């Protein structure tokens, strides 16, 4: 077995880096465990998720089909509301 000697400052730096990596992993796991319904999407994100135009999304808001929150000029949608909107508009295939 080989013995490696390092300075205490170098050892402390390695420990800090390991702690940083551990924290990043914990953050990633926490994000992955959050249900989609706890997330908020902005206009651009929702347009990309639904593959629709901003104008169509505006129509959904105007027709009160999808709830939203607005802070200044920025609009946000609760992912759980988007899921409800999609479920409400779901058209199952008969005999499938």
Protein backbone atom coordinates (compact mmCIF):
# COMPACT_ATOMS: atom_id res chain seq x y z
CA UNK A 1 0.00 0.00 0.00
CA UNK A 2 1.34 3.42 -0.97
CA UNK A 3 1.18 6.36 1.40
CA UNK A 4 0.60 9.77 -0.15
CA UNK A 5 1.35 12.91 1.80
CA UNK A 6 -0.29 16.24 0.96
CA UNK A 7 -0.39 19.61 2.62
CA UNK A 8 -3.34 20.34 4.88
CA UNK A 9 -4.42 23.25 2.65
CA UNK A 10 -4.57 20.92 -0.37
CA UNK A 11 -6.49 18.34 1.68
CA UNK A 12 -8.97 21.00 2.82
CA UNK A 13 -9.45 22.11 -0.79
CA UNK A 14 -10.20 18.53 -1.86
CA UNK A 15 -12.71 18.13 0.96
CA UNK A 16 -14.44 21.40 -0.01
CA UNK A 17 -14.67 20.24 -3.65
CA UNK A 18 -16.18 16.93 -2.55
CA UNK A 19 -18.69 18.79 -0.38
CA UNK A 20 -19.60 21.04 -3.34
CA UNK A 21 -20.12 18.01 -5.57
CA UNK A 22 -22.26 16.36 -2.91
CA UNK A 23 -24.43 19.47 -2.63
CA UNK A 24 -24.88 19.65 -6.40
CA UNK A 25 -25.93 16.00 -6.49
CA UNK A 26 -28.42 16.59 -3.67
CA UNK A 27 -29.85 19.58 -5.55
CA UNK A 28 -30.27 17.50 -8.70
CA UNK A 29 -31.98 14.71 -6.76
CA UNK A 30 -34.28 17.22 -5.06
CA UNK A 31 -35.28 18.72 -8.43
CA UNK A 32 -35.91 15.26 -9.86
CA UNK A 33 -38.14 14.35 -6.91
CA UNK A 34 -40.30 17.47 -7.24
CA UNK A 35 -43.48 16.60 -9.08
CA UNK A 36 -44.07 18.46 -12.31
CA UNK A 37 -47.10 20.13 -10.75
CA UNK A 38 -44.84 22.19 -8.47
CA UNK A 39 -43.02 23.79 -11.40
CA UNK A 40 -43.86 27.05 -13.15
CA UNK A 41 -43.32 27.60 -16.85
CA UNK A 42 -43.01 30.90 -18.67
CA UNK A 43 -44.51 31.64 -22.12
CA UNK A 44 -41.50 30.46 -24.06
CA UNK A 45 -41.11 27.24 -22.09
CA UNK A 46 -44.80 26.37 -22.42
CA UNK A 47 -44.80 27.09 -26.15
CA UNK A 48 -41.85 24.72 -26.53
CA UNK A 49 -43.45 22.02 -24.37
CA UNK A 50 -46.78 22.16 -26.24
CA UNK A 51 -45.17 22.95 -29.61
CA UNK A 52 -47.55 25.88 -30.18
CA UNK A 53 -47.16 29.53 -31.11
CA UNK A 54 -47.24 32.41 -28.65
CA UNK A 55 -50.37 33.65 -30.40
CA UNK A 56 -52.23 30.39 -29.77
CA UNK A 57 -51.17 30.49 -26.14
CA UNK A 58 -52.49 34.06 -25.97
CA UNK A 59 -55.82 32.78 -27.35
CA UNK A 60 -55.98 30.11 -24.63
CA UNK A 61 -55.49 32.84 -22.02
CA UNK A 62 -58.05 35.17 -23.63
CA UNK A 63 -60.62 32.35 -23.77
CA UNK A 64 -59.83 31.50 -20.11
CA UNK A 65 -58.88 27.95 -21.05
CA UNK A 66 -55.64 27.97 -19.10
CA UNK A 67 -54.93 29.78 -15.81
CA UNK A 68 -51.84 31.97 -15.50
CA UNK A 69 -50.04 34.41 -13.23
CA UNK A 70 -48.56 37.66 -14.41
CA UNK A 71 -45.76 39.63 -12.81
CA UNK A 72 -45.22 42.89 -14.66
CA UNK A 73 -45.16 41.74 -18.29
CA UNK A 74 -43.96 38.20 -17.58
CA UNK A 75 -46.56 35.41 -17.63
CA UNK A 76 -46.22 32.09 -15.82
CA UNK A 77 -48.22 28.87 -15.90
CA UNK A 78 -48.41 26.24 -13.19
CA UNK A 79 -47.41 22.89 -14.64
CA UNK A 80 -50.31 21.21 -12.82
CA UNK A 81 -52.73 23.58 -14.60
CA UNK A 82 -51.12 22.68 -17.92
CA UNK A 83 -51.60 18.99 -17.10
CA UNK A 84 -55.27 19.63 -16.29
CA UNK A 85 -55.67 21.56 -19.55
CA UNK A 86 -54.15 18.67 -21.52
CA UNK A 87 -56.26 16.08 -19.69
CA UNK A 88 -59.44 18.09 -20.26
CA UNK A 89 -58.70 18.20 -23.98
CA UNK A 90 -57.68 14.55 -24.23
CA UNK A 91 -59.50 12.63 -26.96
CA UNK A 92 -59.11 8.87 -26.46
CA UNK A 93 -59.30 6.51 -29.41
CA UNK A 94 -62.33 4.27 -29.34
CA UNK A 95 -61.45 0.58 -29.55
CA UNK A 96 -57.78 1.22 -28.85
